[in-house]
PDB file of N, CA and C in Angstrom:
ATOM      1  N   MET A   1      10.679 -78.158 -17.531  1.00  0.00           N
ATOM      2  CA  MET A   1      12.305 -77.422 -17.841  1.00  0.00           C
ATOM      3  C   MET A   1      12.116 -77.877 -19.793  1.00  0.00           C
ATOM      4  N   TRP A   2      12.143 -79.196 -19.629  1.00  0.00           N
ATOM      5  CA  TRP A   2      11.582 -78.613 -21.641  1.00  0.00           C
ATOM      6  C   TRP A   2      11.025 -77.953 -21.817  1.00  0.00           C
ATOM      7  N   ARG A   3       9.646 -77.848 -21.527  1.00  0.00           N
ATOM      8  CA  ARG A   3       8.979 -76.557 -21.975  1.00  0.00           C
ATOM      9  C   ARG A   3       9.375 -75.079 -21.660  1.00  0.00           C
ATOM     10  N   ALA A   4      10.149 -74.931 -21.009  1.00  0.00           N
ATOM     11  CA  ALA A   4      10.849 -73.529 -20.762  1.00  0.00           C
ATOM     12  C   ALA A   4      11.514 -73.643 -21.420  1.00  0.00           C
ATOM     13  N   TYR A   5      12.511 -74.852 -21.850  1.00  0.00           N
ATOM     14  CA  TYR A   5      13.582 -74.799 -23.098  1.00  0.00           C
ATOM     15  C   TYR A   5      13.208 -74.522 -24.634  1.00  0.00           C
ATOM     16  N   SER A   6      11.577 -75.357 -24.831  1.00  0.00           N
ATOM     17  CA  SER A   6      11.272 -75.167 -25.954  1.00  0.00           C
ATOM     18  C   SER A   6      10.822 -73.572 -26.218  1.00  0.00           C
ATOM     19  N   ASP A   7       9.693 -72.885 -25.235  1.00  0.00           N
ATOM     20  CA  ASP A   7       9.191 -71.544 -25.436  1.00  0.00           C
ATOM     21  C   ASP A   7      10.626 -71.017 -25.733  1.00  0.00           C
ATOM     22  N   MET A   8      11.734 -71.013 -25.188  1.00  0.00           N
ATOM     23  CA  MET A   8      13.383 -69.871 -25.327  1.00  0.00           C
ATOM     24  C   MET A   8      13.679 -69.977 -26.405  1.00  0.00           C
ATOM     25  N   LYS A   9      13.827 -71.541 -27.091  1.00  0.00           N
ATOM     26  CA  LYS A   9      14.091 -71.208 -28.891  1.00  0.00           C
ATOM     27  C   LYS A   9      13.057 -70.878 -29.675  1.00  0.00           C
ATOM     28  N   GLU A  10      11.534 -71.016 -29.037  1.00  0.00           N
ATOM     29  CA  GLU A  10      10.681 -70.684 -30.078  1.00  0.00           C
ATOM     30  C   GLU A  10      10.601 -68.859 -29.995  1.00  0.00           C
ATOM     31  N   ALA A  11      10.667 -68.231 -28.827  1.00  0.00           N
ATOM     32  CA  ALA A  11      10.977 -66.570 -28.691  1.00  0.00           C
ATOM     33  C   ALA A  11      11.810 -66.089 -29.291  1.00  0.00           C
ATOM     34  N   ASN A  12      13.131 -67.206 -28.796  1.00  0.00           N
ATOM     35  CA  ASN A  12      14.426 -66.704 -29.407  1.00  0.00           C
ATOM     36  C   ASN A  12      14.472 -64.459 -29.434  1.00  0.00           C
ATOM     37  N   TRP A  13      13.943 -65.060 -28.364  1.00  0.00           N
ATOM     38  CA  TRP A  13      13.735 -63.150 -27.546  1.00  0.00           C
ATOM     39  C   TRP A  13      15.205 -63.227 -26.821  1.00  0.00           C
ATOM     40  N   LYS A  14      15.709 -61.404 -27.380  1.00  0.00           N
ATOM     41  CA  LYS A  14      17.279 -61.471 -26.723  1.00  0.00           C
ATOM     42  C   LYS A  14      17.381 -61.253 -25.013  1.00  0.00           C
ATOM     43  N   THR A  15      17.972 -61.144 -24.206  1.00  0.00           N
ATOM     44  CA  THR A  15      17.931 -61.192 -22.559  1.00  0.00           C
ATOM     45  C   THR A  15      16.229 -61.925 -21.991  1.00  0.00           C
ATOM     46  N   SER A  16      16.035 -63.087 -22.666  1.00  0.00           N
ATOM     47  CA  SER A  16      15.210 -64.074 -22.182  1.00  0.00           C
ATOM     48  C   SER A  16      15.896 -64.920 -21.103  1.00  0.00           C
ATOM     49  N   ASP A  17      17.245 -65.079 -21.386  1.00  0.00           N
ATOM     50  CA  ASP A  17      17.677 -66.930 -21.080  1.00  0.00           C
ATOM     51  C   ASP A  17      17.451 -66.769 -19.621  1.00  0.00           C
ATOM     52  N   LYS A  18      17.866 -65.870 -19.028  1.00  0.00           N
ATOM     53  CA  LYS A  18      17.388 -65.717 -17.260  1.00  0.00           C
ATOM     54  C   LYS A  18      16.350 -66.095 -17.197  1.00  0.00           C
ATOM     55  N   TYR A  19      15.176 -65.515 -17.906  1.00  0.00           N
ATOM     56  CA  TYR A  19      13.517 -66.011 -17.319  1.00  0.00           C
ATOM     57  C   TYR A  19      12.984 -67.296 -17.559  1.00  0.00           C
ATOM     58  N   PHE A  20      14.115 -67.759 -18.967  1.00  0.00           N
ATOM     59  CA  PHE A  20      13.649 -69.425 -19.433  1.00  0.00           C
ATOM     60  C   PHE A  20      14.223 -70.389 -18.035  1.00  0.00           C
ATOM     61  N   HIS A  21      15.489 -69.802 -17.713  1.00  0.00           N
ATOM     62  CA  HIS A  21      16.650 -70.415 -16.704  1.00  0.00           C
ATOM     63  C   HIS A  21      15.123 -70.530 -15.076  1.00  0.00           C
ATOM     64  N   ALA A  22      14.502 -69.774 -14.813  1.00  0.00           N
ATOM     65  CA  ALA A  22      13.904 -69.846 -13.843  1.00  0.00           C
ATOM     66  C   ALA A  22      12.754 -70.297 -14.414  1.00  0.00           C
ATOM     67  N   ARG A  23      12.084 -69.871 -14.964  1.00  0.00           N
ATOM     68  CA  ARG A  23      10.589 -70.369 -15.244  1.00  0.00           C
ATOM     69  C   ARG A  23      10.712 -71.719 -15.370  1.00  0.00           C
ATOM     70  N   GLY A  24      11.838 -72.158 -16.058  1.00  0.00           N
ATOM     71  CA  GLY A  24      11.899 -74.017 -16.426  1.00  0.00           C
ATOM     72  C   GLY A  24      11.751 -74.425 -15.210  1.00  0.00           C
ATOM     73  N   ASN A  25      13.176 -73.986 -13.629  1.00  0.00           N
ATOM     74  CA  ASN A  25      13.025 -74.651 -12.362  1.00  0.00           C
ATOM     75  C   ASN A  25      12.139 -74.174 -11.621  1.00  0.00           C
ATOM     76  N   TYR A  26      11.715 -73.493 -11.870  1.00  0.00           N
ATOM     77  CA  TYR A  26       9.683 -73.233 -10.604  1.00  0.00           C
ATOM     78  C   TYR A  26       8.615 -74.538 -10.933  1.00  0.00           C
ATOM     79  N   ASP A  27       8.761 -74.839 -12.232  1.00  0.00           N
ATOM     80  CA  ASP A  27       7.842 -75.135 -13.300  1.00  0.00           C
ATOM     81  C   ASP A  27       7.973 -76.458 -12.766  1.00  0.00           C
ATOM     82  N   ALA A  28       9.574 -77.153 -12.961  1.00  0.00           N
ATOM     83  CA  ALA A  28       9.789 -78.339 -12.975  1.00  0.00           C
ATOM     84  C   ALA A  28       9.644 -78.520 -10.917  1.00  0.00           C
ATOM     85  N   ALA A  29       9.963 -77.218  -9.466  1.00  0.00           N
ATOM     86  CA  ALA A  29      10.255 -77.596  -8.996  1.00  0.00           C
ATOM     87  C   ALA A  29       8.468 -77.390  -7.571  1.00  0.00           C
ATOM     88  N   GLY A  30       7.692 -77.088  -9.233  1.00  0.00           N
ATOM     89  CA  GLY A  30       6.116 -76.919  -8.554  1.00  0.00           C
ATOM     90  C   GLY A  30       5.442 -78.793  -8.627  1.00  0.00           C
ATOM     91  N   ARG A  31       6.873 -79.053  -8.915  1.00  0.00           N
ATOM     92  CA  ARG A  31       6.063 -81.244  -9.235  1.00  0.00           C
ATOM     93  C   ARG A  31       6.655 -82.111  -7.717  1.00  0.00           C
ATOM     94  N   GLY A  32       7.019 -81.206  -7.286  1.00  0.00           N
ATOM     95  CA  GLY A  32       7.230 -81.578  -5.561  1.00  0.00           C
ATOM     96  C   GLY A  32       8.886 -81.926  -6.093  1.00  0.00           C
ATOM     97  N   PRO A  33       9.100 -82.911  -4.341  1.00  0.00           N
ATOM     98  CA  PRO A  33      10.607 -82.752  -4.355  1.00  0.00           C
ATOM     99  C   PRO A  33      11.527 -83.245  -5.099  1.00  0.00           C
ATOM    100  N   GLY A  34      11.166 -84.675  -5.154  1.00  0.00           N
ATOM    101  CA  GLY A  34      11.708 -85.212  -7.204  1.00  0.00           C
ATOM    102  C   GLY A  34      12.165 -84.585  -8.536  1.00  0.00           C
ATOM    103  N   GLY A  35      10.788 -83.191  -8.254  1.00  0.00           N
ATOM    104  CA  GLY A  35      11.003 -82.251  -9.539  1.00  0.00           C
ATOM    105  C   GLY A  35      12.169 -81.162  -8.787  1.00  0.00           C
ATOM    106  N   LYS A  36      12.324 -80.694  -7.979  1.00  0.00           N
ATOM    107  CA  LYS A  36      13.342 -79.814  -7.328  1.00  0.00           C
ATOM    108  C   LYS A  36      14.322 -80.257  -7.608  1.00  0.00           C
ATOM    109  N   TRP A  37      14.760 -81.848  -7.240  1.00  0.00           N
ATOM    110  CA  TRP A  37      15.932 -82.068  -7.422  1.00  0.00           C
ATOM    111  C   TRP A  37      16.442 -82.341  -8.350  1.00  0.00           C
ATOM    112  N   ALA A  38      15.294 -82.821  -9.804  1.00  0.00           N
ATOM    113  CA  ALA A  38      15.343 -83.173 -11.120  1.00  0.00           C
ATOM    114  C   ALA A  38      16.343 -81.795 -11.721  1.00  0.00           C
ATOM    115  N   ALA A  39      15.732 -81.279 -10.969  1.00  0.00           N
ATOM    116  CA  ALA A  39      16.426 -79.978 -11.667  1.00  0.00           C
ATOM    117  C   ALA A  39      17.965 -79.152 -11.375  1.00  0.00           C
ATOM    118  N   GLY A  40      17.247 -79.120 -10.315  1.00  0.00           N
ATOM    119  CA  GLY A  40      18.863 -79.225  -9.720  1.00  0.00           C
ATOM    120  C   GLY A  40      19.518 -79.420 -10.546  1.00  0.00           C
ATOM    121  N   ILE A  41      20.054 -81.024 -10.384  1.00  0.00           N
ATOM    122  CA  ILE A  41      20.696 -82.191 -11.187  1.00  0.00           C
ATOM    123  C   ILE A  41      21.004 -81.626 -12.679  1.00  0.00           C
ATOM    124  N   ILE A  42      20.278 -81.436 -13.850  1.00  0.00           N
ATOM    125  CA  ILE A  42      19.990 -80.873 -15.410  1.00  0.00           C
ATOM    126  C   ILE A  42      20.784 -79.896 -14.795  1.00  0.00           C
ATOM    127  N   SER A  43      20.111 -78.820 -14.077  1.00  0.00           N
ATOM    128  CA  SER A  43      20.647 -77.542 -14.303  1.00  0.00           C
ATOM    129  C   SER A  43      21.908 -77.031 -13.900  1.00  0.00           C
ATOM    130  N   ASP A  44      22.276 -78.279 -12.796  1.00  0.00           N
ATOM    131  CA  ASP A  44      23.939 -77.799 -12.282  1.00  0.00           C
ATOM    132  C   ASP A  44      25.220 -78.552 -13.970  1.00  0.00           C
ATOM    133  N   ALA A  45      23.739 -79.977 -14.190  1.00  0.00           N
ATOM    134  CA  ALA A  45      25.153 -80.209 -15.826  1.00  0.00           C
ATOM    135  C   ALA A  45      24.922 -79.687 -16.308  1.00  0.00           C
ATOM    136  N   ARG A  46      23.589 -78.895 -17.070  1.00  0.00           N
ATOM    137  CA  ARG A  46      23.879 -77.928 -18.482  1.00  0.00           C
ATOM    138  C   ARG A  46      24.949 -77.082 -17.996  1.00  0.00           C
ATOM    139  N   GLU A  47      25.251 -76.594 -16.952  1.00  0.00           N
ATOM    140  CA  GLU A  47      26.231 -74.949 -16.443  1.00  0.00           C
ATOM    141  C   GLU A  47      26.882 -75.387 -16.382  1.00  0.00           C
ATOM    142  N   MET A  48      27.252 -76.934 -15.872  1.00  0.00           N
ATOM    143  CA  MET A  48      29.573 -77.283 -16.286  1.00  0.00           C
ATOM    144  C   MET A  48      29.516 -77.875 -17.787  1.00  0.00           C
ATOM    145  N   VAL A  49      28.473 -78.259 -18.496  1.00  0.00           N
ATOM    146  CA  VAL A  49      29.572 -78.899 -19.546  1.00  0.00           C
ATOM    147  C   VAL A  49      29.314 -77.097 -20.324  1.00  0.00           C
ATOM    148  N   GLN A  50      28.247 -76.225 -20.359  1.00  0.00           N
ATOM    149  CA  GLN A  50      28.159 -74.822 -20.458  1.00  0.00           C
ATOM    150  C   GLN A  50      29.472 -74.105 -20.008  1.00  0.00           C
ATOM    151  N   GLY A  51      29.412 -73.804 -18.842  1.00  0.00           N
ATOM    152  CA  GLY A  51      30.893 -73.580 -18.433  1.00  0.00           C
ATOM    153  C   GLY A  51      31.937 -74.103 -19.197  1.00  0.00           C
ATOM    154  N   SER A  52      32.488 -74.851 -19.374  1.00  0.00           N
ATOM    155  CA  SER A  52      33.828 -75.635 -20.043  1.00  0.00           C
ATOM    156  C   SER A  52      34.215 -75.744 -21.546  1.00  0.00           C
ATOM    157  N   SER A  53      32.547 -75.138 -22.233  1.00  0.00           N
ATOM    158  CA  SER A  53      32.858 -74.482 -23.781  1.00  0.00           C
ATOM    159  C   SER A  53      33.594 -73.136 -23.554  1.00  0.00           C
ATOM    160  N   GLY A  54      34.038 -72.480 -22.806  1.00  0.00           N
ATOM    161  CA  GLY A  54      33.997 -70.916 -23.045  1.00  0.00           C
ATOM    162  C   GLY A  54      33.254 -69.546 -23.168  1.00  0.00           C
ATOM    163  N   ARG A  55      31.722 -70.125 -22.629  1.00  0.00           N
ATOM    164  CA  ARG A  55      30.700 -69.275 -22.188  1.00  0.00           C
ATOM    165  C   ARG A  55      30.838 -68.487 -21.417  1.00  0.00           C
ATOM    166  N   GLY A  56      31.636 -68.782 -20.433  1.00  0.00           N
ATOM    167  CA  GLY A  56      32.225 -67.352 -19.214  1.00  0.00           C
ATOM    168  C   GLY A  56      31.928 -67.807 -17.731  1.00  0.00           C
ATOM    169  N   HIS A  57      32.551 -68.361 -16.745  1.00  0.00           N
ATOM    170  CA  HIS A  57      32.214 -68.202 -16.001  1.00  0.00           C
ATOM    171  C   HIS A  57      30.744 -66.634 -15.083  1.00  0.00           C
ATOM    172  N   GLU A  58      30.675 -65.642 -15.476  1.00  0.00           N
ATOM    173  CA  GLU A  58      30.058 -64.791 -15.235  1.00  0.00           C
ATOM    174  C   GLU A  58      28.483 -64.923 -15.680  1.00  0.00           C
ATOM    175  N   ASP A  59      28.532 -65.219 -16.246  1.00  0.00           N
ATOM    176  CA  ASP A  59      27.253 -66.044 -17.065  1.00  0.00           C
ATOM    177  C   ASP A  59      26.545 -66.898 -16.567  1.00  0.00           C
ATOM    178  N   SER A  60      27.007 -68.194 -16.579  1.00  0.00           N
ATOM    179  CA  SER A  60      27.215 -69.458 -15.815  1.00  0.00           C
ATOM    180  C   SER A  60      26.664 -69.053 -14.572  1.00  0.00           C
ATOM    181  N   ALA A  61      26.742 -67.878 -13.922  1.00  0.00           N
ATOM    182  CA  ALA A  61      27.256 -67.992 -12.391  1.00  0.00           C
ATOM    183  C   ALA A  61      25.763 -67.027 -12.586  1.00  0.00           C
ATOM    184  N   ALA A  62      25.201 -66.155 -13.430  1.00  0.00           N
ATOM    185  CA  ALA A  62      24.218 -65.794 -13.274  1.00  0.00           C
ATOM    186  C   ALA A  62      22.435 -66.923 -13.620  1.00  0.00           C
ATOM    187  N   ASP A  63      23.421 -67.322 -14.876  1.00  0.00           N
ATOM    188  CA  ASP A  63      22.046 -68.799 -14.957  1.00  0.00           C
ATOM    189  C   ASP A  63      22.301 -69.462 -13.899  1.00  0.00           C
ATOM    190  N   GLN A  64      23.132 -69.908 -12.825  1.00  0.00           N
ATOM    191  CA  GLN A  64      22.639 -70.479 -11.139  1.00  0.00           C
ATOM    192  C   GLN A  64      21.929 -70.223 -10.749  1.00  0.00           C
ATOM    193  N   GLU A  65      21.858 -68.762 -10.570  1.00  0.00           N
ATOM    194  CA  GLU A  65      21.476 -67.602  -9.746  1.00  0.00           C
ATOM    195  C   GLU A  65      19.928 -67.672 -10.142  1.00  0.00           C
ATOM    196  N   ALA A  66      19.747 -67.744 -11.212  1.00  0.00           N
ATOM    197  CA  ALA A  66      17.908 -67.900 -12.074  1.00  0.00           C
ATOM    198  C   ALA A  66      18.052 -68.973 -11.623  1.00  0.00           C
ATOM    199  N   ASN A  67      18.216 -70.057 -12.078  1.00  0.00           N
ATOM    200  CA  ASN A  67      18.004 -71.742 -11.558  1.00  0.00           C
ATOM    201  C   ASN A  67      17.562 -72.063  -9.856  1.00  0.00           C
ATOM    202  N   ARG A  68      18.278 -71.204  -9.125  1.00  0.00           N
ATOM    203  CA  ARG A  68      18.047 -71.259  -7.560  1.00  0.00           C
ATOM    204  C   ARG A  68      16.990 -70.591  -7.725  1.00  0.00           C
ATOM    205  N   TRP A  69      16.928 -69.376  -7.645  1.00  0.00           N
ATOM    206  CA  TRP A  69      15.817 -67.952  -7.746  1.00  0.00           C
ATOM    207  C   TRP A  69      14.179 -69.063  -8.290  1.00  0.00           C
ATOM    208  N   GLY A  70      14.067 -69.664  -9.113  1.00  0.00           N
ATOM    209  CA  GLY A  70      13.588 -70.997  -9.733  1.00  0.00           C
ATOM    210  C   GLY A  70      12.749 -71.710  -9.195  1.00  0.00           C
ATOM    211  N   ARG A  71      13.627 -72.331  -9.064  1.00  0.00           N
ATOM    212  CA  ARG A  71      13.500 -73.437  -8.252  1.00  0.00           C
ATOM    213  C   ARG A  71      12.838 -73.470  -6.334  1.00  0.00           C
ATOM    214  N   ASP A  72      13.493 -72.465  -5.774  1.00  0.00           N
ATOM    215  CA  ASP A  72      12.950 -72.329  -4.495  1.00  0.00           C
ATOM    216  C   ASP A  72      11.931 -71.387  -4.636  1.00  0.00           C
ATOM    217  N   GLY A  73      10.994 -71.371  -4.942  1.00  0.00           N
ATOM    218  CA  GLY A  73      10.326 -70.634  -5.723  1.00  0.00           C
ATOM    219  C   GLY A  73       9.649 -69.826  -5.945  1.00  0.00           C
ATOM    220  N   GLY A  74      11.372 -68.221  -6.211  1.00  0.00           N
ATOM    221  CA  GLY A  74      11.343 -67.283  -6.551  1.00  0.00           C
ATOM    222  C   GLY A  74       9.669 -66.963  -8.057  1.00  0.00           C
ATOM    223  N   ASP A  75       9.576 -65.961  -7.855  1.00  0.00           N
ATOM    224  CA  ASP A  75       8.537 -65.923  -9.329  1.00  0.00           C
ATOM    225  C   ASP A  75       9.717 -65.535 -10.886  1.00  0.00           C
ATOM    226  N   PRO A  76       9.586 -66.331 -11.691  1.00  0.00           N
ATOM    227  CA  PRO A  76       9.979 -66.266 -12.796  1.00  0.00           C
ATOM    228  C   PRO A  76      10.206 -64.936 -13.215  1.00  0.00           C
ATOM    229  N   ASN A  77       9.069 -64.174 -13.206  1.00  0.00           N
ATOM    230  CA  ASN A  77       9.018 -62.783 -13.915  1.00  0.00           C
ATOM    231  C   ASN A  77       9.912 -61.982 -13.488  1.00  0.00           C
ATOM    232  N   ARG A  78      10.288 -61.888 -12.576  1.00  0.00           N
ATOM    233  CA  ARG A  78      11.873 -60.959 -11.670  1.00  0.00           C
ATOM    234  C   ARG A  78      12.934 -60.959 -13.398  1.00  0.00           C
ATOM    235  N   TYR A  79      12.825 -61.732 -13.917  1.00  0.00           N
ATOM    236  CA  TYR A  79      14.039 -62.512 -14.461  1.00  0.00           C
ATOM    237  C   TYR A  79      13.659 -61.976 -16.176  1.00  0.00           C
ATOM    238  N   ARG A  80      11.982 -61.553 -16.133  1.00  0.00           N
ATOM    239  CA  ARG A  80      11.355 -61.453 -17.532  1.00  0.00           C
ATOM    240  C   ARG A  80      11.552 -60.320 -18.443  1.00  0.00           C
ATOM    241  N   PRO A  81      12.529 -60.765 -19.816  1.00  0.00           N
ATOM    242  CA  PRO A  81      12.859 -59.022 -20.490  1.00  0.00           C
ATOM    243  C   PRO A  81      11.777 -58.319 -20.936  1.00  0.00           C
ATOM    244  N   LYS A  82      11.950 -57.112 -20.802  1.00  0.00           N
ATOM    245  CA  LYS A  82      10.535 -56.003 -21.100  1.00  0.00           C
ATOM    246  C   LYS A  82      10.711 -56.406 -22.836  1.00  0.00           C
ATOM    247  N   GLY A  83       9.062 -57.088 -22.859  1.00  0.00           N
ATOM    248  CA  GLY A  83       8.662 -57.044 -24.605  1.00  0.00           C
ATOM    249  C   GLY A  83       8.384 -58.117 -25.022  1.00  0.00           C
ATOM    250  N   LEU A  84       8.981 -59.121 -23.947  1.00  0.00           N
ATOM    251  CA  LEU A  84       8.265 -60.705 -24.417  1.00  0.00           C
ATOM    252  C   LEU A  84       6.725 -61.162 -25.297  1.00  0.00           C
ATOM    253  N   PRO A  85       6.575 -61.225 -25.496  1.00  0.00           N
ATOM    254  CA  PRO A  85       5.251 -61.709 -25.462  1.00  0.00           C
ATOM    255  C   PRO A  85       4.822 -62.791 -24.856  1.00  0.00           C
ATOM    256  N   SER A  86       3.507 -61.799 -24.154  1.00  0.00           N
ATOM    257  CA  SER A  86       2.695 -62.245 -22.453  1.00  0.00           C
ATOM    258  C   SER A  86       2.311 -64.121 -23.015  1.00  0.00           C
ATOM    259  N   LYS A  87       2.527 -64.992 -24.275  1.00  0.00           N
ATOM    260  CA  LYS A  87       2.416 -65.699 -24.765  1.00  0.00           C
ATOM    261  C   LYS A  87       3.524 -66.585 -24.361  1.00  0.00           C
ATOM    262  N   TYR A  88       4.608 -65.808 -23.578  1.00  0.00           N
ATOM    263  CA  TYR A  88       5.732 -66.927 -21.757  1.00  0.00           C
ATOM    264  C   TYR A  88       5.450 -66.685 -21.182  1.00  0.00           C
TER     265      TYR A  88
END
């Protein structure tokens, strides 16, 4: 998850948030049941904090959808924005 977060900050690419959410959760879940569990805890905590900061329920719900998609083994590229460099 940290690698996806670092890549998101480095890329600084508009509309890439959901892709990096899905990718971070996908990568963590790929490490086994403990990784999937940890990704769920971290994602839920992050959205709870950001949701209470006035960021918006709709955006938080969309982030959580991307989190679950990745955590459940879905291809993160579903959320990949056009033009995002292939490095990511």
